[in-house]
Amino acid sequence: MPRRNSFAWNAAIKGLVDAERFSEALETYRAMVDDGSVAADGFTCPPVIKACAALGAVDQGRMIREHVEASVACGDTMPNVFVQCALVDMFAKCGCLGEARSVFESMQQRDVAAWTAMIGGAVHAGDWLDAMCLFNRMRSEGFRADSVIVATVIPACGRMKELRAGTALHGCAVRCGVADDNCVSNALVDMYCKCGCLEMADYLFRSIDFKDVVSWSTLIAGYSQNGMYHASVSLFTEMVASRLKPNSNTMAGILPSLSGLKLFRHGKEVHGFSLRHGLDQSKFLGSAFIDFYSRQGFIREAGTVFELIPKKDLVIWNSVVAAYCVNGDTDSALCAFRALQKAGFKPDHVTVISVLPVCNHHSSFIQDMYCKCCCLEKGKEIFQLMTERDTATYNTLISSLGKHGHEDQAIMLFDQMKRDGIAPDKVTFVALLSCCSHAGLTEQGLHFYDSMLQDYNISPDKEHYSCVVDLYSRSGKLDDAWKFISSLREGTEIDILGCLLAACRVHNRMDIAELVAKRIFEKNPGDPGYHILLSNIYADAGMWSDVTKIRTIIEERSLKNKIGNSLI
């Protein structure tokens, strides 16, 4: 072919991608660009971006994004939903959720595929809260869920133990006609297992007409995770009797039950079966065997499994660190911790939690540190890995989510806190009220305040009063704020009054400003800051005679702001 047109180039690239020859597809794309006779169009980019996703070629994907956005900015092309959706999917699969979200939010039109890609990326990254929030947002925008997206988001409900949301999704799947899809059924079984509803999980499992190995493996693992070891072993025996061959996930699911029942010999038989059928190459199963042997006290066998794994990733390293910690071998645990770093791996939150007992720290401290250092994603990951959560751990994450503008996630986390039976305290409600205040959720914030008083019988402090006043003030309801302050039985703190006075300046409410200032000056006539603030409010309103009056008072009383001192 002497001169290829765009159709020929696109056909060649798509054919290579369909054949999973991704490297060749990218080479063909580069040859097309170098040829210069035709330009990439809306049919060229999606398969090329798919190849980038498969190869993890993020830089190549970024270059394509820059080219596409430049063409749109110049008016050469119109935004293409298929190209944008492919970019969202590529960035999400490569772990670049920020860039995926950037493209997603810039889309003028979104289809179900774009939502699926974004939600799938959040699930893959372990950000279960974000996945559920995205799904709720998708539904609120009128999109109908299909089997793929339902099966994608259901695991998030399980991980967050959101049984109510999971049950609602189950109903949604039935209404949408996708409940009989095996992927959806298996995801529902897994969700009910993680939420501790084993009877419902078993009922669903029994109702699946064509059970595949995933169906069996999911419930076997579910029984193990919930400490129902005999049920797990019984189901595994039933699966083997049905002549369905177990896979590596099945083996990894049954091992905790064998460990819990002290069936060491049966565990070794499972290991032998895995070796004979080539399942030992699975890193997930390798990690499970390390855990199995270490919990039986056979740390040398666990070390042998570790050594025989040819390509060790961070998951395997974390398993061996945890194995030494479980058996109280502090020196070996720290040695393995240093070795994984020498091998080029960067410790993650799982590594930290595994080695924490050796260092005599607590996971809640690490979570708090990450949140306060603006590493919110790490803080959420630590929280999700905690086996025991208390009020303080919930408070830390709720507060951090609110400060970072994730009010929907903060409120959802509070709902989970209640379902987990963790009692909120004064700090919880300060975090919730502050969150609602910054997000402009006045009614929701007032609901939380009333709930604190009536449902939990918690007496409010000045922090709660300040938040309520701030709720009213930010929404311009200064009359309600003043009415609230006037209703307080005990003496109103200066800080609460000062919050309303500052709001009066923003909303130009001289009537309330003078009432508030009078109350402040009665309580603390020597504070220069509020005199100056009132003077500025008068100045903004053009009331210059009153400005002069306040300035005169400041001079006559020699009111001066205290100068701060630095220790440095």
Protein backbone atom coordinates (compact mmCIF):
# COMPACT_ATOMS: atom_id res chain seq x y z
CA MET A 1 0.00 0.00 0.00
CA PRO A 2 1.86 3.13 -1.25
CA ARG A 3 -0.05 5.64 0.90
CA ARG A 4 -2.05 4.67 3.95
CA ASN A 5 -5.13 6.67 4.89
CA SER A 6 -6.47 7.07 8.44
CA PHE A 7 -8.79 4.09 8.02
CA ALA A 8 -5.85 1.79 7.25
CA TRP A 9 -3.77 3.04 10.18
CA ASN A 10 -6.71 2.79 12.59
CA ALA A 11 -7.58 -0.72 11.42
CA ALA A 12 -3.98 -1.89 11.89
CA ILE A 13 -3.73 -0.38 15.41
CA LYS A 14 -7.12 -1.74 16.51
CA GLY A 15 -6.29 -5.20 15.16
CA LEU A 16 -3.07 -5.31 17.16
CA VAL A 17 -4.83 -4.17 20.34
CA ASP A 18 -7.60 -6.75 19.86
CA ALA A 19 -4.88 -9.39 19.53
CA GLU A 20 -3.29 -8.07 22.76
CA ARG A 21 -0.10 -7.14 20.89
CA PHE A 22 0.05 -3.87 22.74
CA SER A 23 3.72 -2.98 22.22
CA GLU A 24 3.33 -3.41 18.44
CA ALA A 25 0.19 -1.27 18.54
CA LEU A 26 2.13 1.60 20.16
CA GLU A 27 4.96 1.19 17.63
CA THR A 28 2.41 1.40 14.80
CA TYR A 29 0.92 4.53 16.36
CA ARG A 30 4.36 6.14 16.58
CA ALA A 31 5.00 5.21 12.93
CA MET A 32 1.71 6.88 12.03
CA VAL A 33 2.71 10.06 13.85
CA ASP A 34 6.17 10.04 12.24
CA ASP A 35 4.62 9.48 8.79
CA GLY A 36 2.71 12.74 9.16
CA SER A 37 0.38 12.09 6.22
CA VAL A 38 -2.68 11.64 8.45
CA ALA A 39 -3.58 12.90 11.91
CA ALA A 40 -4.83 10.80 14.80
CA ASP A 41 -8.59 11.07 15.20
CA GLY A 42 -11.33 9.87 17.52
CA PHE A 43 -10.96 6.32 16.19
CA THR A 44 -7.18 6.23 16.64
CA CYS A 45 -6.88 7.30 20.26
CA PRO A 46 -9.12 4.86 22.18
CA PRO A 47 -7.25 1.66 21.16
CA VAL A 48 -3.87 3.40 21.58
CA ILE A 49 -4.85 4.54 25.08
CA LYS A 50 -6.03 1.00 25.83
CA ALA A 51 -2.57 -0.27 24.84
CA CYS A 52 -0.99 2.32 27.18
CA ALA A 53 -3.21 1.05 30.02
CA ALA A 54 -2.24 -2.58 29.37
CA LEU A 55 1.48 -1.75 29.32
CA GLY A 56 1.36 0.81 32.14
CA ALA A 57 2.76 3.38 29.69
CA VAL A 58 1.44 6.39 31.62
CA ASP A 59 3.84 8.90 30.02
CA GLN A 60 2.70 7.91 26.53
CA GLY A 61 -0.91 8.26 27.72
CA ARG A 62 -0.17 11.73 29.09
CA MET A 63 1.28 12.79 25.74
CA ILE A 64 -1.88 11.63 23.99
CA ARG A 65 -3.99 13.54 26.50
CA GLU A 66 -1.97 16.73 25.91
CA HIS A 67 -2.33 16.31 22.14
CA VAL A 68 -6.10 15.74 22.39
CA GLU A 69 -6.68 18.68 24.74
CA ALA A 70 -4.53 20.97 22.58
CA SER A 71 -6.59 20.02 19.50
CA VAL A 72 -9.83 20.75 21.36
CA ALA A 73 -8.48 24.09 22.66
CA CYS A 74 -7.50 25.15 19.14
CA GLY A 75 -10.93 24.23 17.82
CA ASP A 76 -9.53 21.57 15.47
CA THR A 77 -11.65 18.83 17.08
CA MET A 78 -14.59 18.52 19.41
CA PRO A 79 -14.38 16.73 22.78
CA ASN A 80 -14.79 13.00 22.15
CA VAL A 81 -16.49 11.00 24.92
CA PHE A 82 -14.86 7.74 23.78
CA VAL A 83 -11.36 9.25 23.95
CA GLN A 84 -12.05 10.84 27.34
CA CYS A 85 -13.50 7.60 28.68
CA ALA A 86 -10.41 5.69 27.50
CA LEU A 87 -8.18 8.24 29.27
CA VAL A 88 -10.14 7.89 32.52
CA ASP A 89 -9.83 4.10 32.29
CA MET A 90 -6.11 4.25 31.49
CA PHE A 91 -5.21 6.63 34.32
CA ALA A 92 -7.37 4.70 36.80
CA LYS A 93 -5.81 1.35 35.90
CA CYS A 94 -2.33 2.84 36.19
CA GLY A 95 -3.09 4.14 39.68
CA CYS A 96 -3.15 7.83 38.67
CA LEU A 97 -6.54 8.55 40.23
CA GLY A 98 -5.97 12.31 40.39
CA GLU A 99 -5.46 12.53 36.62
CA ALA A 100 -8.36 10.13 36.01
CA ARG A 101 -10.61 12.35 38.13
CA SER A 102 -9.37 15.47 36.30
CA VAL A 103 -10.35 14.05 32.90
CA PHE A 104 -13.61 12.66 34.31
CA GLU A 105 -14.72 15.98 35.81
CA SER A 106 -13.84 17.84 32.58
CA MET A 107 -16.20 15.65 30.51
CA GLN A 108 -19.22 17.59 29.31
CA GLN A 109 -21.04 14.31 28.67
CA ARG A 110 -20.43 11.13 30.61
CA ASP A 111 -21.64 7.67 29.73
CA VAL A 112 -21.89 4.54 31.90
CA ALA A 113 -18.46 3.41 30.68
CA ALA A 114 -16.86 6.58 32.08
CA TRP A 115 -18.57 6.07 35.44
CA THR A 116 -17.54 2.41 35.46
CA ALA A 117 -13.92 3.31 34.77
CA MET A 118 -13.82 5.96 37.51
CA ILE A 119 -15.57 3.78 40.10
CA GLY A 120 -13.40 0.79 39.13
CA GLY A 121 -10.29 2.90 39.62
CA ALA A 122 -11.42 3.91 43.12
CA VAL A 123 -12.15 0.27 44.00
CA HIS A 124 -8.79 -0.88 42.62
CA ALA A 125 -7.05 1.76 44.75
CA GLY A 126 -8.96 0.63 47.83
CA ASP A 127 -10.80 3.94 48.18
CA TRP A 128 -14.13 2.33 49.06
CA LEU A 129 -15.72 5.53 50.33
CA ASP A 130 -15.04 7.37 47.09
CA ALA A 131 -16.33 4.43 45.03
CA MET A 132 -19.66 4.47 46.86
CA CYS A 133 -19.96 8.25 46.65
CA LEU A 134 -19.32 8.12 42.90
CA PHE A 135 -21.95 5.41 42.46
CA ASN A 136 -24.52 7.44 44.42
CA ARG A 137 -23.66 10.48 42.32
CA MET A 138 -24.03 8.45 39.11
CA ARG A 139 -27.49 7.28 40.17
CA SER A 140 -28.53 10.81 41.14
CA GLU A 141 -27.62 11.97 37.63
CA GLY A 142 -30.06 9.49 36.15
CA PHE A 143 -27.75 6.72 34.93
CA ARG A 144 -29.02 3.13 35.04
CA ALA A 145 -26.58 0.65 36.55
CA ASP A 146 -25.53 -2.36 34.46
CA SER A 147 -24.08 -5.68 35.64
CA VAL A 148 -20.49 -4.49 35.30
CA ILE A 149 -20.86 -1.39 37.43
CA VAL A 150 -23.01 -3.17 40.04
CA ALA A 151 -20.42 -5.96 40.34
CA THR A 152 -17.72 -3.29 40.61
CA VAL A 153 -19.24 -1.24 43.42
CA ILE A 154 -20.73 -4.05 45.55
CA PRO A 155 -17.27 -5.02 46.95
CA ALA A 156 -16.95 -1.46 48.27
CA CYS A 157 -20.08 -2.00 50.39
CA GLY A 158 -18.51 -5.16 51.80
CA ARG A 159 -15.22 -3.52 52.61
CA MET A 160 -16.98 -0.62 54.35
CA LYS A 161 -19.47 -3.03 55.98
CA GLU A 162 -22.23 -0.92 54.47
CA LEU A 163 -24.94 -3.59 54.71
CA ARG A 164 -27.77 -1.13 54.10
CA ALA A 165 -26.13 0.20 50.94
CA GLY A 166 -25.25 -3.35 49.85
CA THR A 167 -28.84 -4.50 50.33
CA ALA A 168 -30.03 -1.48 48.34
CA LEU A 169 -27.62 -2.44 45.56
CA HIS A 170 -28.98 -5.98 45.68
CA GLY A 171 -32.46 -4.55 45.12
CA CYS A 172 -31.10 -2.32 42.36
CA ALA A 173 -29.57 -5.37 40.66
CA VAL A 174 -32.92 -7.19 40.80
CA ARG A 175 -34.81 -4.19 39.38
CA CYS A 176 -32.24 -3.75 36.62
CA GLY A 177 -32.44 -7.44 35.72
CA VAL A 178 -28.77 -8.19 36.41
CA ALA A 179 -29.08 -10.10 39.70
CA ASP A 180 -28.72 -13.45 37.90
CA ASP A 181 -25.40 -12.43 36.34
CA ASN A 182 -22.70 -14.63 37.88
CA CYS A 183 -20.34 -11.71 38.51
CA VAL A 184 -23.08 -9.81 40.34
CA SER A 185 -24.19 -12.91 42.31
CA ASN A 186 -20.61 -13.67 43.37
CA ALA A 187 -20.05 -10.04 44.39
CA LEU A 188 -23.25 -10.12 46.48
CA VAL A 189 -22.17 -13.35 48.21
CA ASP A 190 -18.84 -11.69 49.04
CA MET A 191 -20.54 -8.52 50.30
CA TYR A 192 -22.90 -10.41 52.62
CA CYS A 193 -19.96 -12.45 53.94
CA LYS A 194 -17.96 -9.32 54.73
CA CYS A 195 -21.00 -7.81 56.46
CA GLY A 196 -21.38 -10.97 58.57
CA CYS A 197 -24.67 -12.09 56.98
CA LEU A 198 -23.62 -15.68 56.33
CA GLU A 199 -27.16 -17.06 56.07
CA MET A 200 -27.99 -14.64 53.28
CA ALA A 201 -24.66 -15.37 51.58
CA ASP A 202 -25.37 -19.12 51.71
CA TYR A 203 -28.93 -18.61 50.42
CA LEU A 204 -27.65 -16.61 47.44
CA PHE A 205 -24.92 -19.16 46.78
CA ARG A 206 -27.45 -22.01 46.72
CA SER A 207 -29.69 -20.03 44.35
CA ILE A 208 -26.95 -19.65 41.69
CA ASP A 209 -27.85 -22.02 38.85
CA PHE A 210 -24.37 -22.38 37.41
CA LYS A 211 -21.84 -22.04 40.20
CA ASP A 212 -18.31 -21.39 38.98
CA VAL A 213 -15.06 -21.70 40.93
CA VAL A 214 -15.40 -18.04 42.00
CA SER A 215 -18.80 -18.77 43.58
CA TRP A 216 -17.40 -21.63 45.67
CA SER A 217 -14.18 -19.80 46.56
CA THR A 218 -16.05 -16.69 47.69
CA LEU A 219 -18.24 -18.48 50.23
CA ILE A 220 -15.38 -20.74 51.42
CA ALA A 221 -13.31 -17.60 52.13
CA GLY A 222 -16.36 -15.90 53.67
CA TYR A 223 -16.82 -18.67 56.21
CA SER A 224 -13.09 -18.50 57.04
CA GLN A 225 -13.16 -14.74 57.50
CA ASN A 226 -16.08 -15.04 59.92
CA GLY A 227 -14.48 -17.80 62.00
CA MET A 228 -16.90 -20.50 60.76
CA TYR A 229 -14.06 -22.92 60.07
CA HIS A 230 -16.08 -26.14 60.07
CA ALA A 231 -18.56 -24.70 57.54
CA SER A 232 -15.67 -23.58 55.35
CA VAL A 233 -14.04 -27.03 55.36
CA SER A 234 -17.40 -28.72 54.75
CA LEU A 235 -18.08 -26.50 51.73
CA PHE A 236 -14.59 -27.13 50.39
CA THR A 237 -15.20 -30.88 50.66
CA GLU A 238 -18.53 -30.44 48.84
CA MET A 239 -16.79 -28.50 46.08
CA VAL A 240 -14.17 -31.21 45.58
CA ALA A 241 -16.95 -33.84 45.52
CA SER A 242 -18.67 -31.89 42.73
CA ARG A 243 -15.52 -32.47 40.64
CA LEU A 244 -14.88 -28.75 40.23
CA LYS A 245 -11.15 -28.08 40.34
CA PRO A 246 -10.12 -25.55 43.02
CA ASN A 247 -7.93 -22.63 42.00
CA SER A 248 -5.39 -20.57 43.93
CA ASN A 249 -8.11 -18.35 45.44
CA THR A 250 -9.96 -21.42 46.72
CA MET A 251 -6.79 -22.68 48.39
CA ALA A 252 -6.04 -19.30 49.93
CA GLY A 253 -9.62 -19.16 51.24
CA ILE A 254 -9.55 -22.56 52.97
CA LEU A 255 -6.13 -22.18 54.62
CA PRO A 256 -7.26 -19.88 57.49
CA SER A 257 -9.90 -22.47 58.43
CA LEU A 258 -7.36 -25.28 58.43
CA SER A 259 -5.11 -23.10 60.57
CA GLY A 260 -7.93 -22.24 62.95
CA LEU A 261 -8.84 -25.93 63.38
CA LYS A 262 -5.16 -26.89 63.81
CA LEU A 263 -5.40 -29.20 60.78
CA PHE A 264 -1.74 -28.90 59.92
CA ARG A 265 -1.61 -32.19 57.97
CA HIS A 266 -4.54 -31.15 55.78
CA GLY A 267 -2.84 -27.82 55.16
CA LYS A 268 0.27 -29.63 53.95
CA GLU A 269 -1.97 -31.72 51.65
CA VAL A 270 -3.40 -28.53 50.20
CA HIS A 271 0.16 -27.31 49.70
CA GLY A 272 1.06 -30.54 47.91
CA PHE A 273 -2.02 -30.26 45.66
CA SER A 274 -1.02 -26.69 44.81
CA LEU A 275 2.51 -27.77 43.85
CA ARG A 276 1.25 -30.66 41.68
CA HIS A 277 -1.16 -28.44 39.79
CA GLY A 278 1.15 -25.45 39.33
CA LEU A 279 -0.80 -23.15 41.65
CA ASP A 280 2.29 -22.33 43.71
CA GLN A 281 3.19 -19.58 41.24
CA SER A 282 0.36 -17.46 42.64
CA LYS A 283 1.79 -14.77 44.90
CA PHE A 284 -1.57 -14.46 46.63
CA LEU A 285 -1.49 -18.17 47.53
CA GLY A 286 2.19 -17.95 48.47
CA SER A 287 1.31 -15.23 50.96
CA ALA A 288 -1.50 -17.41 52.35
CA PHE A 289 0.90 -20.36 52.87
CA ILE A 290 3.39 -18.13 54.69
CA ASP A 291 0.57 -17.00 56.97
CA PHE A 292 -0.66 -20.59 57.47
CA TYR A 293 2.71 -21.99 58.49
CA SER A 294 3.61 -19.01 60.69
CA ARG A 295 0.34 -19.21 62.63
CA GLN A 296 1.02 -22.89 63.30
CA GLY A 297 4.41 -21.91 64.69
CA PHE A 298 6.34 -23.44 61.78
CA ILE A 299 8.32 -20.33 60.98
CA ARG A 300 11.07 -22.28 59.17
CA GLU A 301 8.51 -23.72 56.73
CA ALA A 302 7.09 -20.22 56.22
CA GLY A 303 10.61 -19.01 55.41
CA THR A 304 11.07 -21.87 52.92
CA VAL A 305 7.86 -20.90 51.08
CA PHE A 306 9.12 -17.32 50.98
CA GLU A 307 12.52 -18.32 49.58
CA LEU A 308 10.96 -20.51 46.84
CA ILE A 309 8.84 -17.69 45.43
CA PRO A 310 10.86 -16.53 42.39
CA LYS A 311 9.54 -12.99 41.96
CA LYS A 312 8.75 -11.48 45.32
CA ASP A 313 6.54 -8.42 45.44
CA LEU A 314 5.72 -6.18 48.40
CA VAL A 315 2.76 -8.38 49.41
CA ILE A 316 5.08 -11.38 49.87
CA TRP A 317 7.60 -9.30 51.83
CA ASN A 318 4.80 -7.98 54.07
CA SER A 319 3.69 -11.58 54.73
CA VAL A 320 7.11 -12.69 55.92
CA VAL A 321 7.51 -9.57 58.11
CA ALA A 322 4.12 -10.32 59.69
CA ALA A 323 5.09 -14.01 60.10
CA TYR A 324 8.12 -13.12 62.20
CA CYS A 325 6.08 -10.60 64.22
CA VAL A 326 3.34 -13.17 64.97
CA ASN A 327 5.98 -15.54 66.34
CA GLY A 328 7.68 -12.86 68.40
CA ASP A 329 10.91 -13.01 66.41
CA THR A 330 11.70 -9.30 66.65
CA ASP A 331 15.20 -9.46 65.17
CA SER A 332 14.11 -11.43 62.09
CA ALA A 333 11.10 -9.12 61.59
CA LEU A 334 13.29 -6.01 61.57
CA CYS A 335 15.85 -7.80 59.40
CA ALA A 336 13.13 -8.66 56.85
CA PHE A 337 11.86 -5.08 57.05
CA ARG A 338 15.32 -3.76 56.15
CA ALA A 339 15.74 -6.44 53.45
CA LEU A 340 12.57 -5.44 51.62
CA GLN A 341 13.88 -1.88 51.45
CA LYS A 342 17.23 -3.09 50.10
CA ALA A 343 15.31 -5.07 47.47
CA GLY A 344 13.94 -1.77 46.18
CA PHE A 345 10.50 -1.85 47.76
CA LYS A 346 8.98 1.07 49.61
CA PRO A 347 7.13 0.05 52.80
CA ASP A 348 3.40 0.70 52.62
CA HIS A 349 0.69 0.92 55.27
CA VAL A 350 0.48 -2.89 55.53
CA THR A 351 4.21 -3.09 56.22
CA VAL A 352 3.90 -0.41 58.87
CA ILE A 353 0.97 -2.12 60.62
CA SER A 354 2.81 -5.47 60.52
CA VAL A 355 5.94 -4.06 62.12
CA LEU A 356 4.19 -1.70 64.56
CA PRO A 357 3.96 -4.26 67.41
CA VAL A 358 7.73 -4.61 67.22
CA CYS A 359 8.15 -0.86 67.53
CA ASN A 360 5.59 -0.56 70.37
CA HIS A 361 3.48 2.02 68.50
CA HIS A 362 -0.17 2.03 67.61
CA SER A 363 -1.87 2.10 64.23
CA SER A 364 -4.16 4.91 65.41
CA PHE A 365 -1.08 7.10 65.93
CA ILE A 366 0.07 6.41 62.36
CA GLN A 367 -3.40 7.15 61.01
CA ASP A 368 -3.51 10.45 62.90
CA MET A 369 -0.03 11.37 61.63
CA TYR A 370 -0.96 10.73 57.98
CA CYS A 371 -4.19 12.73 58.26
CA LYS A 372 -2.49 15.70 59.94
CA CYS A 373 0.26 15.67 57.31
CA CYS A 374 -2.38 15.97 54.54
CA CYS A 375 -1.77 12.36 53.44
CA LEU A 376 -5.50 11.67 53.60
CA GLU A 377 -5.44 8.65 51.29
CA LYS A 378 -2.83 6.92 53.47
CA GLY A 379 -4.87 7.78 56.56
CA LYS A 380 -7.93 6.15 55.01
CA GLU A 381 -5.93 3.07 54.06
CA ILE A 382 -4.65 2.69 57.63
CA PHE A 383 -8.22 3.06 58.93
CA GLN A 384 -9.57 0.39 56.57
CA LEU A 385 -6.87 -2.05 57.66
CA MET A 386 -7.55 -1.63 61.37
CA THR A 387 -9.16 -4.72 62.91
CA GLU A 388 -10.22 -2.78 66.01
CA ARG A 389 -11.52 0.79 65.71
CA ASP A 390 -12.53 3.11 68.49
CA THR A 391 -14.09 6.54 68.77
CA ALA A 392 -10.72 8.29 68.40
CA THR A 393 -9.87 6.57 65.10
CA TYR A 394 -13.28 7.47 63.66
CA ASN A 395 -12.97 11.05 64.90
CA THR A 396 -9.57 11.47 63.25
CA LEU A 397 -10.80 10.40 59.83
CA ILE A 398 -14.16 12.21 60.02
CA SER A 399 -12.37 15.44 60.94
CA SER A 400 -9.78 15.05 58.17
CA LEU A 401 -12.41 14.26 55.53
CA GLY A 402 -14.33 17.37 56.54
CA LYS A 403 -11.25 19.60 56.43
CA HIS A 404 -10.40 18.34 52.93
CA GLY A 405 -13.89 19.04 51.55
CA HIS A 406 -15.15 15.43 51.51
CA GLU A 407 -18.28 16.13 53.55
CA ASP A 408 -20.28 13.32 51.92
CA GLN A 409 -17.63 10.76 52.89
CA ALA A 410 -17.39 12.19 56.42
CA ILE A 411 -21.15 11.83 56.94
CA MET A 412 -21.11 8.33 55.45
CA LEU A 413 -18.29 7.37 57.82
CA PHE A 414 -20.33 8.64 60.78
CA ASP A 415 -23.20 6.38 59.67
CA GLN A 416 -20.77 3.45 59.56
CA MET A 417 -19.52 4.40 63.03
CA LYS A 418 -23.07 4.11 64.40
CA ARG A 419 -23.65 0.77 62.66
CA ASP A 420 -20.40 -0.56 64.14
CA GLY A 421 -21.73 0.28 67.60
CA ILE A 422 -19.02 2.89 68.31
CA ALA A 423 -20.43 5.69 70.49
CA PRO A 424 -19.67 9.23 69.26
CA ASP A 425 -18.37 11.80 71.72
CA LYS A 426 -18.05 15.57 71.88
CA VAL A 427 -15.11 15.57 69.46
CA THR A 428 -17.13 13.60 66.91
CA PHE A 429 -19.83 16.25 66.81
CA VAL A 430 -17.35 19.13 66.65
CA ALA A 431 -15.88 17.44 63.55
CA LEU A 432 -19.34 16.89 62.00
CA LEU A 433 -20.56 20.41 62.74
CA SER A 434 -17.37 21.97 61.40
CA CYS A 435 -17.63 19.80 58.28
CA CYS A 436 -21.24 20.88 57.64
CA SER A 437 -20.35 24.52 58.30
CA HIS A 438 -17.58 24.59 55.70
CA ALA A 439 -19.75 22.71 53.18
CA GLY A 440 -22.77 24.98 53.66
CA LEU A 441 -24.94 22.09 54.95
CA THR A 442 -26.88 24.15 57.49
CA GLU A 443 -29.86 21.83 57.98
CA GLN A 444 -27.66 18.73 58.19
CA GLY A 445 -25.45 20.43 60.76
CA LEU A 446 -28.43 21.46 62.90
CA HIS A 447 -29.71 17.88 62.69
CA PHE A 448 -26.37 16.66 64.09
CA TYR A 449 -26.53 19.24 66.89
CA ASP A 450 -30.04 18.14 67.87
CA SER A 451 -29.00 14.48 67.68
CA MET A 452 -26.05 15.17 69.99
CA LEU A 453 -28.41 16.63 72.60
CA GLN A 454 -31.37 14.27 72.28
CA ASP A 455 -29.97 10.94 71.06
CA TYR A 456 -26.64 10.90 72.89
CA ASN A 457 -27.32 13.26 75.82
CA ILE A 458 -24.02 15.05 75.24
CA SER A 459 -23.74 18.51 76.80
CA PRO A 460 -22.43 21.07 74.28
CA ASP A 461 -19.25 23.05 74.85
CA LYS A 462 -18.22 26.41 73.41
CA GLU A 463 -16.78 24.60 70.35
CA HIS A 464 -20.23 23.24 69.51
CA TYR A 465 -21.85 26.66 70.06
CA SER A 466 -19.24 28.29 67.80
CA CYS A 467 -19.92 25.74 65.07
CA VAL A 468 -23.69 26.34 65.22
CA VAL A 469 -23.19 30.11 65.04
CA ASP A 470 -20.80 29.57 62.13
CA LEU A 471 -23.39 27.35 60.42
CA TYR A 472 -25.96 30.13 60.55
CA SER A 473 -23.44 32.86 59.72
CA ARG A 474 -22.00 31.24 56.60
CA SER A 475 -25.50 30.82 55.17
CA GLY A 476 -26.41 34.44 55.95
CA LYS A 477 -28.92 33.55 58.69
CA LEU A 478 -27.60 36.08 61.18
CA ASP A 479 -30.97 36.61 62.87
CA ASP A 480 -31.08 32.90 63.67
CA ALA A 481 -27.48 33.04 64.90
CA TRP A 482 -28.30 35.92 67.27
CA LYS A 483 -31.46 34.15 68.45
CA PHE A 484 -29.39 31.02 69.14
CA ILE A 485 -26.81 33.00 71.16
CA SER A 486 -29.54 34.77 73.11
CA SER A 487 -31.10 31.40 74.01
CA LEU A 488 -27.95 30.10 75.69
CA ARG A 489 -28.44 29.87 79.44
CA GLU A 490 -24.84 30.14 80.55
CA GLY A 491 -22.70 33.13 79.80
CA THR A 492 -21.76 33.31 76.14
CA GLU A 493 -18.06 32.98 75.38
CA ILE A 494 -16.37 35.93 73.70
CA ASP A 495 -15.16 33.71 70.84
CA ILE A 496 -18.75 32.77 69.93
CA LEU A 497 -19.81 36.41 69.86
CA GLY A 498 -16.71 37.30 67.85
CA CYS A 499 -17.64 34.72 65.21
CA LEU A 500 -21.02 36.42 64.70
CA LEU A 501 -19.49 39.91 64.73
CA ALA A 502 -17.13 38.93 61.90
CA ALA A 503 -20.11 37.56 59.94
CA CYS A 504 -21.95 40.87 60.40
CA ARG A 505 -19.16 42.59 58.49
CA VAL A 506 -19.42 40.09 55.61
CA HIS A 507 -23.22 40.42 55.37
CA ASN A 508 -23.37 44.15 56.25
CA ARG A 509 -25.74 43.71 59.21
CA MET A 510 -25.15 46.80 61.32
CA ASP A 511 -28.18 46.15 63.55
CA ILE A 512 -26.90 42.83 64.81
CA ALA A 513 -23.27 44.01 64.83
CA GLU A 514 -24.08 46.71 67.38
CA LEU A 515 -26.00 44.25 69.60
CA VAL A 516 -23.12 41.77 69.51
CA ALA A 517 -20.47 44.44 70.09
CA LYS A 518 -22.39 45.75 73.09
CA ARG A 519 -22.42 42.25 74.61
CA ILE A 520 -18.69 41.79 73.91
CA PHE A 521 -17.68 45.14 75.40
CA GLU A 522 -19.73 44.40 78.53
CA LYS A 523 -17.79 41.18 79.02
CA ASN A 524 -14.36 42.39 77.95
CA PRO A 525 -14.08 46.16 77.57
CA GLY A 526 -10.30 45.99 77.30
CA ASP A 527 -10.02 43.83 74.14
CA PRO A 528 -8.73 46.05 71.30
CA GLY A 529 -9.35 43.47 68.57
CA TYR A 530 -13.14 43.64 68.67
CA HIS A 531 -13.07 47.44 68.92
CA ILE A 532 -11.02 47.53 65.72
CA LEU A 533 -13.37 45.01 64.05
CA LEU A 534 -16.42 47.10 64.91
CA SER A 535 -14.61 50.20 63.62
CA ASN A 536 -13.96 48.41 60.31
CA ILE A 537 -17.63 47.36 60.09
CA TYR A 538 -18.67 50.99 60.53
CA ALA A 539 -16.13 52.02 57.89
CA ASP A 540 -17.47 49.47 55.40
CA ALA A 541 -20.97 50.90 55.95
CA GLY A 542 -19.71 54.49 55.49
CA MET A 543 -20.64 55.44 59.08
CA TRP A 544 -17.59 57.63 59.62
CA SER A 545 -18.81 59.41 62.77
CA ASP A 546 -19.10 56.03 64.49
CA VAL A 547 -15.64 55.08 63.20
CA THR A 548 -14.23 58.21 64.84
CA LYS A 549 -16.10 57.42 68.06
CA ILE A 550 -14.61 53.89 68.30
CA ARG A 551 -11.11 55.10 67.40
CA THR A 552 -11.36 57.73 70.14
CA ILE A 553 -12.30 55.06 72.70
CA ILE A 554 -9.30 52.97 71.62
CA GLU A 555 -6.95 55.93 72.09
CA GLU A 556 -8.47 57.09 75.38
CA ARG A 557 -8.24 53.60 76.91
CA SER A 558 -4.81 52.96 75.35
CA LEU A 559 -6.05 49.70 73.85
CA LYS A 560 -3.29 47.98 71.89
CA ASN A 561 -3.02 44.50 70.39
CA LYS A 562 -0.55 42.32 72.26
CA ILE A 563 2.53 41.56 70.20
CA GLY A 564 3.22 37.84 69.84
CA ASN A 565 6.56 36.41 70.88
CA SER A 566 8.49 33.75 69.00
CA LEU A 567 10.59 31.15 70.78
CA ILE A 568 12.93 30.95 67.78
